[in-house]
Amino acid sequence: MAKANNKTVPTQLKVQDYLNAIEDSQRKEDCIRIHDMMKEITGREPKMWGTSIVGFGTYHYKYESGREGDMLMTGFSNRKNSITLYILGGLKKREAFLSKLGPHKTGKSCLYIKR
């Protein structure tokens, strides 16, 4: 059986170009703030993963099935309906914090923030 390649991989695209291309001024401002906070907190330089995810740091994973790869530790993306934050370790333990946010949804390791 052929191994599936990861769709989310680092690219040579420029983070600043991605941020500058965000049309909605409030979304752009929010993404720049998120970028600056994640850079300061992680101490890592951002990299583009695919065409639309800004990632900070990497980790290597290997499943029992033998599938392995590299993934961003944390990051964000400006999506059509929300800004998505990718958070290694999941969100289950952060329910008290999340209850203070405005409109949002969560996935296993994703936080979808709406305005």
PDB file of N, CA and C in Angstrom:
ATOM      1  N   MET A   1       0.841  -1.168   0.000  1.00  0.00           N
ATOM      2  CA  MET A   1       0.000   0.000   0.000  1.00  0.00           C
ATOM      3  C   MET A   1       0.897   1.245   0.000  1.00  0.00           C
ATOM      4  N   ALA A   2       0.595   2.207  -0.855  1.00  0.00           N
ATOM      5  CA  ALA A   2       1.376   3.438  -0.941  1.00  0.00           C
ATOM      6  C   ALA A   2       1.078   4.330   0.257  1.00  0.00           C
ATOM      7  N   LYS A   3       2.109   4.984   0.732  1.00  0.00           N
ATOM      8  CA  LYS A   3       1.924   5.918   1.837  1.00  0.00           C
ATOM      9  C   LYS A   3       1.299   7.201   1.316  1.00  0.00           C
ATOM     10  N   ALA A   4       0.355   7.734   2.066  1.00  0.00           N
ATOM     11  CA  ALA A   4      -0.253   9.012   1.703  1.00  0.00           C
ATOM     12  C   ALA A   4       0.689  10.136   2.113  1.00  0.00           C
ATOM     13  N   ASN A   5       0.844  11.105   1.233  1.00  0.00           N
ATOM     14  CA  ASN A   5       1.668  12.265   1.557  1.00  0.00           C
ATOM     15  C   ASN A   5       0.847  13.277   2.331  1.00  0.00           C
ATOM     16  N   ASN A   6       1.496  13.964   3.248  1.00  0.00           N
ATOM     17  CA  ASN A   6       0.820  15.015   3.994  1.00  0.00           C
ATOM     18  C   ASN A   6       0.471  16.161   3.058  1.00  0.00           C
ATOM     19  N   LYS A   7      -0.727  16.699   3.213  1.00  0.00           N
ATOM     20  CA  LYS A   7      -1.140  17.842   2.407  1.00  0.00           C
ATOM     21  C   LYS A   7      -0.600  19.138   2.992  1.00  0.00           C
ATOM     22  N   THR A   8      -0.431  19.172   4.291  1.00  0.00           N
ATOM     23  CA  THR A   8       0.039  20.375   4.966  1.00  0.00           C
ATOM     24  C   THR A   8       1.540  20.262   5.186  1.00  0.00           C
ATOM     25  N   VAL A   9       2.288  20.961   4.350  1.00  0.00           N
ATOM     26  CA  VAL A   9       3.749  20.929   4.416  1.00  0.00           C
ATOM     27  C   VAL A   9       4.290  22.351   4.296  1.00  0.00           C
ATOM     28  N   PRO A  10       5.498  22.585   4.816  1.00  0.00           N
ATOM     29  CA  PRO A  10       6.091  23.917   4.685  1.00  0.00           C
ATOM     30  C   PRO A  10       6.319  24.265   3.216  1.00  0.00           C
ATOM     31  N   THR A  11       6.172  25.546   2.909  1.00  0.00           N
ATOM     32  CA  THR A  11       6.409  26.033   1.548  1.00  0.00           C
ATOM     33  C   THR A  11       7.394  27.197   1.606  1.00  0.00           C
ATOM     34  N   GLN A  12       7.776  27.680   0.453  1.00  0.00           N
ATOM     35  CA  GLN A  12       8.674  28.831   0.362  1.00  0.00           C
ATOM     36  C   GLN A  12       7.912  30.152   0.259  1.00  0.00           C
ATOM     37  N   LEU A  13       6.576  30.096   0.363  1.00  0.00           N
ATOM     38  CA  LEU A  13       5.785  31.319   0.293  1.00  0.00           C
ATOM     39  C   LEU A  13       6.155  32.234   1.456  1.00  0.00           C
ATOM     40  N   LYS A  14       6.001  33.517   1.258  1.00  0.00           N
ATOM     41  CA  LYS A  14       6.365  34.514   2.270  1.00  0.00           C
ATOM     42  C   LYS A  14       5.173  34.831   3.175  1.00  0.00           C
ATOM     43  N   VAL A  15       5.389  34.766   4.477  1.00  0.00           N
ATOM     44  CA  VAL A  15       4.340  35.058   5.458  1.00  0.00           C
ATOM     45  C   VAL A  15       3.826  36.481   5.270  1.00  0.00           C
ATOM     46  N   GLN A  16       4.733  37.433   5.079  1.00  0.00           N
ATOM     47  CA  GLN A  16       4.321  38.829   4.936  1.00  0.00           C
ATOM     48  C   GLN A  16       3.420  39.023   3.716  1.00  0.00           C
ATOM     49  N   ASP A  17       3.694  38.315   2.631  1.00  0.00           N
ATOM     50  CA  ASP A  17       2.834  38.399   1.441  1.00  0.00           C
ATOM     51  C   ASP A  17       1.437  37.879   1.756  1.00  0.00           C
ATOM     52  N   TYR A  18       1.368  36.788   2.511  1.00  0.00           N
ATOM     53  CA  TYR A  18       0.075  36.220   2.901  1.00  0.00           C
ATOM     54  C   TYR A  18      -0.714  37.220   3.740  1.00  0.00           C
ATOM     55  N   LEU A  19      -0.064  37.810   4.736  1.00  0.00           N
ATOM     56  CA  LEU A  19      -0.746  38.773   5.607  1.00  0.00           C
ATOM     57  C   LEU A  19      -1.177  40.014   4.822  1.00  0.00           C
ATOM     58  N   ASN A  20      -0.316  40.502   3.951  1.00  0.00           N
ATOM     59  CA  ASN A  20      -0.643  41.694   3.160  1.00  0.00           C
ATOM     60  C   ASN A  20      -1.803  41.462   2.204  1.00  0.00           C
ATOM     61  N   ALA A  21      -2.029  40.226   1.805  1.00  0.00           N
ATOM     62  CA  ALA A  21      -3.089  39.913   0.841  1.00  0.00           C
ATOM     63  C   ALA A  21      -4.475  39.805   1.479  1.00  0.00           C
ATOM     64  N   ILE A  22      -4.565  39.836   2.804  1.00  0.00           N
ATOM     65  CA  ILE A  22      -5.872  39.756   3.471  1.00  0.00           C
ATOM     66  C   ILE A  22      -6.619  41.052   3.202  1.00  0.00           C
ATOM     67  N   GLU A  23      -7.780  40.947   2.570  1.00  0.00           N
ATOM     68  CA  GLU A  23      -8.515  42.132   2.121  1.00  0.00           C
ATOM     69  C   GLU A  23      -9.254  42.852   3.239  1.00  0.00           C
ATOM     70  N   ASP A  24      -9.917  42.132   4.113  1.00  0.00           N
ATOM     71  CA  ASP A  24     -10.683  42.750   5.195  1.00  0.00           C
ATOM     72  C   ASP A  24      -9.711  43.379   6.199  1.00  0.00           C
ATOM     73  N   SER A  25      -9.831  44.689   6.407  1.00  0.00           N
ATOM     74  CA  SER A  25      -8.853  45.398   7.245  1.00  0.00           C
ATOM     75  C   SER A  25      -8.853  44.913   8.699  1.00  0.00           C
ATOM     76  N   GLN A  26     -10.030  44.604   9.257  1.00  0.00           N
ATOM     77  CA  GLN A  26     -10.076  44.110  10.634  1.00  0.00           C
ATOM     78  C   GLN A  26      -9.460  42.724  10.730  1.00  0.00           C
ATOM     79  N   ARG A  27      -9.759  41.868   9.763  1.00  0.00           N
ATOM     80  CA  ARG A  27      -9.163  40.525   9.746  1.00  0.00           C
ATOM     81  C   ARG A  27      -7.645  40.619   9.618  1.00  0.00           C
ATOM     82  N   LYS A  28      -7.190  41.509   8.739  1.00  0.00           N
ATOM     83  CA  LYS A  28      -5.745  41.682   8.553  1.00  0.00           C
ATOM     84  C   LYS A  28      -5.101  42.116   9.866  1.00  0.00           C
ATOM     85  N   GLU A  29      -5.692  43.091  10.528  1.00  0.00           N
ATOM     86  CA  GLU A  29      -5.164  43.574  11.807  1.00  0.00           C
ATOM     87  C   GLU A  29      -5.139  42.446  12.838  1.00  0.00           C
ATOM     88  N   ASP A  30      -6.217  41.670  12.908  1.00  0.00           N
ATOM     89  CA  ASP A  30      -6.283  40.549  13.854  1.00  0.00           C
ATOM     90  C   ASP A  30      -5.193  39.521  13.558  1.00  0.00           C
ATOM     91  N   CYS A  31      -5.010  39.192  12.287  1.00  0.00           N
ATOM     92  CA  CYS A  31      -4.004  38.192  11.915  1.00  0.00           C
ATOM     93  C   CYS A  31      -2.590  38.690  12.203  1.00  0.00           C
ATOM     94  N   ILE A  32      -2.348  39.972  11.984  1.00  0.00           N
ATOM     95  CA  ILE A  32      -1.028  40.525  12.302  1.00  0.00           C
ATOM     96  C   ILE A  32      -0.780  40.462  13.807  1.00  0.00           C
ATOM     97  N   ARG A  33      -1.791  40.754  14.607  1.00  0.00           N
ATOM     98  CA  ARG A  33      -1.638  40.655  16.074  1.00  0.00           C
ATOM     99  C   ARG A  33      -1.381  39.212  16.499  1.00  0.00           C
ATOM    100  N   ILE A  34      -2.133  38.282  15.926  1.00  0.00           N
ATOM    101  CA  ILE A  34      -1.925  36.861  16.245  1.00  0.00           C
ATOM    102  C   ILE A  34      -0.510  36.454  15.847  1.00  0.00           C
ATOM    103  N   HIS A  35      -0.088  36.844  14.660  1.00  0.00           N
ATOM    104  CA  HIS A  35       1.269  36.566  14.182  1.00  0.00           C
ATOM    105  C   HIS A  35       2.304  37.067  15.187  1.00  0.00           C
ATOM    106  N   ASP A  36       2.163  38.332  15.593  1.00  0.00           N
ATOM    107  CA  ASP A  36       3.135  38.927  16.514  1.00  0.00           C
ATOM    108  C   ASP A  36       3.139  38.219  17.868  1.00  0.00           C
ATOM    109  N   MET A  37       1.962  37.876  18.383  1.00  0.00           N
ATOM    110  CA  MET A  37       1.885  37.178  19.670  1.00  0.00           C
ATOM    111  C   MET A  37       2.502  35.792  19.582  1.00  0.00           C
ATOM    112  N   MET A  38       2.165  35.038  18.537  1.00  0.00           N
ATOM    113  CA  MET A  38       2.701  33.682  18.410  1.00  0.00           C
ATOM    114  C   MET A  38       4.212  33.700  18.230  1.00  0.00           C
ATOM    115  N   LYS A  39       4.706  34.671  17.481  1.00  0.00           N
ATOM    116  CA  LYS A  39       6.154  34.778  17.285  1.00  0.00           C
ATOM    117  C   LYS A  39       6.848  35.066  18.612  1.00  0.00           C
ATOM    118  N   GLU A  40       6.289  35.986  19.387  1.00  0.00           N
ATOM    119  CA  GLU A  40       6.886  36.331  20.682  1.00  0.00           C
ATOM    120  C   GLU A  40       6.814  35.160  21.659  1.00  0.00           C
ATOM    121  N   ILE A  41       5.668  34.511  21.735  1.00  0.00           N
ATOM    122  CA  ILE A  41       5.467  33.426  22.697  1.00  0.00           C
ATOM    123  C   ILE A  41       6.303  32.202  22.356  1.00  0.00           C
ATOM    124  N   THR A  42       6.341  31.836  21.067  1.00  0.00           N
ATOM    125  CA  THR A  42       7.073  30.626  20.675  1.00  0.00           C
ATOM    126  C   THR A  42       8.564  30.867  20.507  1.00  0.00           C
ATOM    127  N   GLY A  43       8.940  32.112  20.216  1.00  0.00           N
ATOM    128  CA  GLY A  43      10.341  32.397  19.926  1.00  0.00           C
ATOM    129  C   GLY A  43      10.785  31.833  18.590  1.00  0.00           C
ATOM    130  N   ARG A  44       9.834  31.475  17.741  1.00  0.00           N
ATOM    131  CA  ARG A  44      10.128  30.864  16.435  1.00  0.00           C
ATOM    132  C   ARG A  44       9.767  31.811  15.304  1.00  0.00           C
ATOM    133  N   GLU A  45      10.502  31.691  14.212  1.00  0.00           N
ATOM    134  CA  GLU A  45      10.160  32.440  13.004  1.00  0.00           C
ATOM    135  C   GLU A  45       9.013  31.714  12.306  1.00  0.00           C
ATOM    136  N   PRO A  46       8.048  32.458  11.789  1.00  0.00           N
ATOM    137  CA  PRO A  46       6.917  31.819  11.118  1.00  0.00           C
ATOM    138  C   PRO A  46       7.295  31.292   9.741  1.00  0.00           C
ATOM    139  N   LYS A  47       6.590  30.251   9.331  1.00  0.00           N
ATOM    140  CA  LYS A  47       6.724  29.685   7.985  1.00  0.00           C
ATOM    141  C   LYS A  47       5.330  29.426   7.456  1.00  0.00           C
ATOM    142  N   MET A  48       5.195  29.532   6.157  1.00  0.00           N
ATOM    143  CA  MET A  48       3.930  29.168   5.524  1.00  0.00           C
ATOM    144  C   MET A  48       3.878  27.654   5.376  1.00  0.00           C
ATOM    145  N   TRP A  49       2.728  27.100   5.730  1.00  0.00           N
ATOM    146  CA  TRP A  49       2.436  25.684   5.540  1.00  0.00           C
ATOM    147  C   TRP A  49       1.305  25.636   4.530  1.00  0.00           C
ATOM    148  N   GLY A  50       1.574  25.058   3.373  1.00  0.00           N
ATOM    149  CA  GLY A  50       0.596  25.135   2.301  1.00  0.00           C
ATOM    150  C   GLY A  50       0.493  26.588   1.863  1.00  0.00           C
ATOM    151  N   THR A  51      -0.676  26.962   1.381  1.00  0.00           N
ATOM    152  CA  THR A  51      -0.854  28.329   0.887  1.00  0.00           C
ATOM    153  C   THR A  51      -1.533  29.249   1.884  1.00  0.00           C
ATOM    154  N   SER A  52      -2.018  28.695   3.015  1.00  0.00           N
ATOM    155  CA  SER A  52      -2.844  29.548   3.869  1.00  0.00           C
ATOM    156  C   SER A  52      -2.680  29.345   5.375  1.00  0.00           C
ATOM    157  N   ILE A  53      -1.658  28.643   5.807  1.00  0.00           N
ATOM    158  CA  ILE A  53      -1.439  28.456   7.245  1.00  0.00           C
ATOM    159  C   ILE A  53      -0.078  29.037   7.619  1.00  0.00           C
ATOM    160  N   VAL A  54      -0.076  29.904   8.626  1.00  0.00           N
ATOM    161  CA  VAL A  54       1.165  30.449   9.173  1.00  0.00           C
ATOM    162  C   VAL A  54       1.509  29.589  10.384  1.00  0.00           C
ATOM    163  N   GLY A  55       2.646  28.919  10.339  1.00  0.00           N
ATOM    164  CA  GLY A  55       3.024  28.000  11.404  1.00  0.00           C
ATOM    165  C   GLY A  55       4.273  28.434  12.144  1.00  0.00           C
ATOM    166  N   PHE A  56       4.342  28.037  13.414  1.00  0.00           N
ATOM    167  CA  PHE A  56       5.477  28.356  14.280  1.00  0.00           C
ATOM    168  C   PHE A  56       5.980  27.063  14.897  1.00  0.00           C
ATOM    169  N   GLY A  57       7.234  26.724  14.644  1.00  0.00           N
ATOM    170  CA  GLY A  57       7.814  25.507  15.187  1.00  0.00           C
ATOM    171  C   GLY A  57       7.296  24.266  14.471  1.00  0.00           C
ATOM    172  N   THR A  58       7.987  23.152  14.686  1.00  0.00           N
ATOM    173  CA  THR A  58       7.566  21.876  14.107  1.00  0.00           C
ATOM    174  C   THR A  58       7.778  20.761  15.124  1.00  0.00           C
ATOM    175  N   TYR A  59       7.071  19.685  14.893  1.00  0.00           N
ATOM    176  CA  TYR A  59       7.312  18.467  15.659  1.00  0.00           C
ATOM    177  C   TYR A  59       7.161  17.290  14.707  1.00  0.00           C
ATOM    178  N   HIS A  60       7.828  16.198  15.044  1.00  0.00           N
ATOM    179  CA  HIS A  60       7.765  14.984  14.232  1.00  0.00           C
ATOM    180  C   HIS A  60       6.834  13.993  14.919  1.00  0.00           C
ATOM    181  N   TYR A  61       5.968  13.368  14.141  1.00  0.00           N
ATOM    182  CA  TYR A  61       5.062  12.368  14.709  1.00  0.00           C
ATOM    183  C   TYR A  61       5.225  11.049  13.959  1.00  0.00           C
ATOM    184  N   LYS A  62       4.887   9.978  14.649  1.00  0.00           N
ATOM    185  CA  LYS A  62       4.898   8.649  14.039  1.00  0.00           C
ATOM    186  C   LYS A  62       3.783   7.838  14.670  1.00  0.00           C
ATOM    187  N   TYR A  63       2.871   7.363  13.837  1.00  0.00           N
ATOM    188  CA  TYR A  63       1.754   6.554  14.307  1.00  0.00           C
ATOM    189  C   TYR A  63       2.137   5.074  14.324  1.00  0.00           C
ATOM    190  N   GLU A  64       1.365   4.292  15.058  1.00  0.00           N
ATOM    191  CA  GLU A  64       1.606   2.845  15.101  1.00  0.00           C
ATOM    192  C   GLU A  64       1.499   2.223  13.719  1.00  0.00           C
ATOM    193  N   SER A  65       0.705   2.837  12.854  1.00  0.00           N
ATOM    194  CA  SER A  65       0.532   2.333  11.490  1.00  0.00           C
ATOM    195  C   SER A  65       1.797   2.488  10.657  1.00  0.00           C
ATOM    196  N   GLY A  66       2.750   3.278  11.160  1.00  0.00           N
ATOM    197  CA  GLY A  66       3.975   3.534  10.420  1.00  0.00           C
ATOM    198  C   GLY A  66       3.983   4.895   9.736  1.00  0.00           C
ATOM    199  N   ARG A  67       2.825   5.492   9.626  1.00  0.00           N
ATOM    200  CA  ARG A  67       2.759   6.823   9.017  1.00  0.00           C
ATOM    201  C   ARG A  67       3.477   7.810   9.926  1.00  0.00           C
ATOM    202  N   GLU A  68       4.289   8.662   9.314  1.00  0.00           N
ATOM    203  CA  GLU A  68       4.986   9.669  10.080  1.00  0.00           C
ATOM    204  C   GLU A  68       5.160  10.929   9.250  1.00  0.00           C
ATOM    205  N   GLY A  69       5.488  12.001   9.935  1.00  0.00           N
ATOM    206  CA  GLY A  69       5.689  13.257   9.235  1.00  0.00           C
ATOM    207  C   GLY A  69       5.984  14.373  10.201  1.00  0.00           C
ATOM    208  N   ASP A  70       6.038  15.560   9.656  1.00  0.00           N
ATOM    209  CA  ASP A  70       6.277  16.758  10.449  1.00  0.00           C
ATOM    210  C   ASP A  70       5.053  17.650  10.373  1.00  0.00           C
ATOM    211  N   MET A  71       4.794  18.368  11.459  1.00  0.00           N
ATOM    212  CA  MET A  71       3.627  19.247  11.528  1.00  0.00           C
ATOM    213  C   MET A  71       4.009  20.486  12.320  1.00  0.00           C
ATOM    214  N   LEU A  72       3.278  21.558  12.083  1.00  0.00           N
ATOM    215  CA  LEU A  72       3.517  22.791  12.822  1.00  0.00           C
ATOM    216  C   LEU A  72       3.077  22.615  14.267  1.00  0.00           C
ATOM    217  N   MET A  73       3.781  23.251  15.180  1.00  0.00           N
ATOM    218  CA  MET A  73       3.415  23.173  16.603  1.00  0.00           C
ATOM    219  C   MET A  73       2.200  24.035  16.899  1.00  0.00           C
ATOM    220  N   THR A  74       2.202  25.222  16.374  1.00  0.00           N
ATOM    221  CA  THR A  74       1.065  26.117  16.538  1.00  0.00           C
ATOM    222  C   THR A  74       1.025  27.037  15.332  1.00  0.00           C
ATOM    223  N   GLY A  75      -0.134  27.603  15.080  1.00  0.00           N
ATOM    224  CA  GLY A  75      -0.244  28.492  13.937  1.00  0.00           C
ATOM    225  C   GLY A  75      -1.653  29.018  13.788  1.00  0.00           C
ATOM    226  N   PHE A  76      -1.887  29.672  12.650  1.00  0.00           N
ATOM    227  CA  PHE A  76      -3.207  30.232  12.390  1.00  0.00           C
ATOM    228  C   PHE A  76      -3.426  30.362  10.893  1.00  0.00           C
ATOM    229  N   SER A  77      -4.688  30.568  10.547  1.00  0.00           N
ATOM    230  CA  SER A  77      -5.057  30.767   9.153  1.00  0.00           C
ATOM    231  C   SER A  77      -6.276  31.665   9.071  1.00  0.00           C
ATOM    232  N   ASN A  78      -6.272  32.559   8.108  1.00  0.00           N
ATOM    233  CA  ASN A  78      -7.436  33.385   7.832  1.00  0.00           C
ATOM    234  C   ASN A  78      -8.332  32.592   6.883  1.00  0.00           C
ATOM    235  N   ARG A  79      -9.447  32.109   7.378  1.00  0.00           N
ATOM    236  CA  ARG A  79     -10.384  31.327   6.567  1.00  0.00           C
ATOM    237  C   ARG A  79     -11.588  32.180   6.189  1.00  0.00           C
ATOM    238  N   LYS A  80     -12.421  31.658   5.335  1.00  0.00           N
ATOM    239  CA  LYS A  80     -13.577  32.413   4.841  1.00  0.00           C
ATOM    240  C   LYS A  80     -14.483  32.899   5.970  1.00  0.00           C
ATOM    241  N   ASN A  81     -14.814  32.020   6.908  1.00  0.00           N
ATOM    242  CA  ASN A  81     -15.775  32.354   7.957  1.00  0.00           C
ATOM    243  C   ASN A  81     -15.166  32.587   9.331  1.00  0.00           C
ATOM    244  N   SER A  82     -13.868  32.422   9.463  1.00  0.00           N
ATOM    245  CA  SER A  82     -13.252  32.558  10.781  1.00  0.00           C
ATOM    246  C   SER A  82     -11.740  32.661  10.652  1.00  0.00           C
ATOM    247  N   ILE A  83     -11.115  33.035  11.748  1.00  0.00           N
ATOM    248  CA  ILE A  83      -9.672  32.876  11.879  1.00  0.00           C
ATOM    249  C   ILE A  83      -9.493  31.588  12.666  1.00  0.00           C
ATOM    250  N   THR A  84      -8.703  30.683  12.132  1.00  0.00           N
ATOM    251  CA  THR A  84      -8.499  29.393  12.777  1.00  0.00           C
ATOM    252  C   THR A  84      -7.139  29.370  13.458  1.00  0.00           C
ATOM    253  N   LEU A  85      -7.134  28.998  14.743  1.00  0.00           N
ATOM    254  CA  LEU A  85      -5.890  28.810  15.484  1.00  0.00           C
ATOM    255  C   LEU A  85      -5.640  27.318  15.616  1.00  0.00           C
ATOM    256  N   TYR A  86      -4.419  26.894  15.342  1.00  0.00           N
ATOM    257  CA  TYR A  86      -4.023  25.492  15.471  1.00  0.00           C
ATOM    258  C   TYR A  86      -3.161  25.381  16.723  1.00  0.00           C
ATOM    259  N   ILE A  87      -3.592  24.549  17.669  1.00  0.00           N
ATOM    260  CA  ILE A  87      -2.959  24.504  18.979  1.00  0.00           C
ATOM    261  C   ILE A  87      -2.580  23.066  19.325  1.00  0.00           C
ATOM    262  N   LEU A  88      -1.271  22.799  19.372  1.00  0.00           N
ATOM    263  CA  LEU A  88      -0.769  21.476  19.725  1.00  0.00           C
ATOM    264  C   LEU A  88      -1.207  21.135  21.136  1.00  0.00           C
ATOM    265  N   GLY A  89      -1.691  19.952  21.332  1.00  0.00           N
ATOM    266  CA  GLY A  89      -2.116  19.520  22.662  1.00  0.00           C
ATOM    267  C   GLY A  89      -3.606  19.636  22.884  1.00  0.00           C
ATOM    268  N   GLY A  90      -4.297  20.219  21.939  1.00  0.00           N
ATOM    269  CA  GLY A  90      -5.748  20.273  22.024  1.00  0.00           C
ATOM    270  C   GLY A  90      -6.282  21.372  22.916  1.00  0.00           C
ATOM    271  N   LEU A  91      -7.602  21.404  23.014  1.00  0.00           N
ATOM    272  CA  LEU A  91      -8.290  22.482  23.716  1.00  0.00           C
ATOM    273  C   LEU A  91      -9.124  22.010  24.894  1.00  0.00           C
ATOM    274  N   LYS A  92      -9.204  20.717  25.113  1.00  0.00           N
ATOM    275  CA  LYS A  92     -10.088  20.173  26.138  1.00  0.00           C
ATOM    276  C   LYS A  92      -9.832  20.777  27.522  1.00  0.00           C
ATOM    277  N   LYS A  93      -8.577  20.976  27.882  1.00  0.00           N
ATOM    278  CA  LYS A  93      -8.228  21.485  29.213  1.00  0.00           C
ATOM    279  C   LYS A  93      -8.424  22.995  29.336  1.00  0.00           C
ATOM    280  N   ARG A  94      -8.832  23.636  28.268  1.00  0.00           N
ATOM    281  CA  ARG A  94      -8.937  25.095  28.271  1.00  0.00           C
ATOM    282  C   ARG A  94     -10.377  25.590  28.204  1.00  0.00           C
ATOM    283  N   GLU A  95     -11.305  24.786  28.675  1.00  0.00           N
ATOM    284  CA  GLU A  95     -12.722  25.135  28.578  1.00  0.00           C
ATOM    285  C   GLU A  95     -13.069  26.402  29.352  1.00  0.00           C
ATOM    286  N   ALA A  96     -12.454  26.630  30.510  1.00  0.00           N
ATOM    287  CA  ALA A  96     -12.739  27.844  31.293  1.00  0.00           C
ATOM    288  C   ALA A  96     -12.339  29.087  30.506  1.00  0.00           C
ATOM    289  N   PHE A  97     -11.185  29.036  29.878  1.00  0.00           N
ATOM    290  CA  PHE A  97     -10.735  30.156  29.051  1.00  0.00           C
ATOM    291  C   PHE A  97     -11.659  30.341  27.852  1.00  0.00           C
ATOM    292  N   LEU A  98     -11.988  29.264  27.195  1.00  0.00           N
ATOM    293  CA  LEU A  98     -12.815  29.344  25.990  1.00  0.00           C
ATOM    294  C   LEU A  98     -14.197  29.903  26.275  1.00  0.00           C
ATOM    295  N   SER A  99     -14.710  29.680  27.470  1.00  0.00           N
ATOM    296  CA  SER A  99     -16.042  30.183  27.806  1.00  0.00           C
ATOM    297  C   SER A  99     -16.082  31.711  27.842  1.00  0.00           C
ATOM    298  N   LYS A 100     -14.918  32.352  27.939  1.00  0.00           N
ATOM    299  CA  LYS A 100     -14.842  33.812  27.973  1.00  0.00           C
ATOM    300  C   LYS A 100     -14.782  34.436  26.579  1.00  0.00           C
ATOM    301  N   LEU A 101     -14.572  33.611  25.569  1.00  0.00           N
ATOM    302  CA  LEU A 101     -14.486  34.121  24.200  1.00  0.00           C
ATOM    303  C   LEU A 101     -15.865  34.433  23.649  1.00  0.00           C
ATOM    304  N   GLY A 102     -15.867  35.244  22.623  1.00  0.00           N
ATOM    305  CA  GLY A 102     -17.105  35.498  21.895  1.00  0.00           C
ATOM    306  C   GLY A 102     -17.423  34.295  21.023  1.00  0.00           C
ATOM    307  N   PRO A 103     -18.154  34.519  19.927  1.00  0.00           N
ATOM    308  CA  PRO A 103     -18.557  33.409  19.058  1.00  0.00           C
ATOM    309  C   PRO A 103     -17.351  32.611  18.547  1.00  0.00           C
ATOM    310  N   HIS A 104     -17.381  31.305  18.781  1.00  0.00           N
ATOM    311  CA  HIS A 104     -16.304  30.439  18.320  1.00  0.00           C
ATOM    312  C   HIS A 104     -16.796  28.993  18.282  1.00  0.00           C
ATOM    313  N   LYS A 105     -16.016  28.158  17.608  1.00  0.00           N
ATOM    314  CA  LYS A 105     -16.218  26.711  17.592  1.00  0.00           C
ATOM    315  C   LYS A 105     -14.859  26.081  17.833  1.00  0.00           C
ATOM    316  N   THR A 106     -14.867  24.825  18.258  1.00  0.00           N
ATOM    317  CA  THR A 106     -13.602  24.134  18.464  1.00  0.00           C
ATOM    318  C   THR A 106     -13.611  22.792  17.755  1.00  0.00           C
ATOM    319  N   GLY A 107     -12.427  22.352  17.403  1.00  0.00           N
ATOM    320  CA  GLY A 107     -12.179  21.010  16.911  1.00  0.00           C
ATOM    321  C   GLY A 107     -11.183  20.388  17.874  1.00  0.00           C
ATOM    322  N   LYS A 108     -10.626  19.256  17.520  1.00  0.00           N
ATOM    323  CA  LYS A 108      -9.696  18.574  18.421  1.00  0.00           C
ATOM    324  C   LYS A 108      -8.524  19.477  18.820  1.00  0.00           C
ATOM    325  N   SER A 109      -7.901  20.111  17.853  1.00  0.00           N
ATOM    326  CA  SER A 109      -6.786  21.023  18.131  1.00  0.00           C
ATOM    327  C   SER A 109      -6.954  22.357  17.414  1.00  0.00           C
ATOM    328  N   CYS A 110      -8.183  22.695  17.061  1.00  0.00           N
ATOM    329  CA  CYS A 110      -8.451  23.926  16.319  1.00  0.00           C
ATOM    330  C   CYS A 110      -9.463  24.791  17.055  1.00  0.00           C
ATOM    331  N   LEU A 111      -9.225  26.075  17.001  1.00  0.00           N
ATOM    332  CA  LEU A 111     -10.148  27.059  17.552  1.00  0.00           C
ATOM    333  C   LEU A 111     -10.548  27.974  16.408  1.00  0.00           C
ATOM    334  N   TYR A 112     -11.838  28.004  16.104  1.00  0.00           N
ATOM    335  CA  TYR A 112     -12.364  28.813  15.004  1.00  0.00           C
ATOM    336  C   TYR A 112     -13.007  30.053  15.612  1.00  0.00           C
ATOM    337  N   ILE A 113     -12.397  31.219  15.396  1.00  0.00           N
ATOM    338  CA  ILE A 113     -12.872  32.462  16.003  1.00  0.00           C
ATOM    339  C   ILE A 113     -13.656  33.266  14.979  1.00  0.00           C
ATOM    340  N   LYS A 114     -14.879  33.634  15.359  1.00  0.00           N
ATOM    341  CA  LYS A 114     -15.711  34.486  14.509  1.00  0.00           C
ATOM    342  C   LYS A 114     -15.837  35.842  15.174  1.00  0.00           C
ATOM    343  N   ARG A 115     -16.217  36.824  14.419  1.00  0.00           N
ATOM    344  CA  ARG A 115     -16.442  38.177  14.978  1.00  0.00           C
ATOM    345  C   ARG A 115     -17.905  38.373  15.186  1.00  0.00           C
TER     346      ARG A 115
END
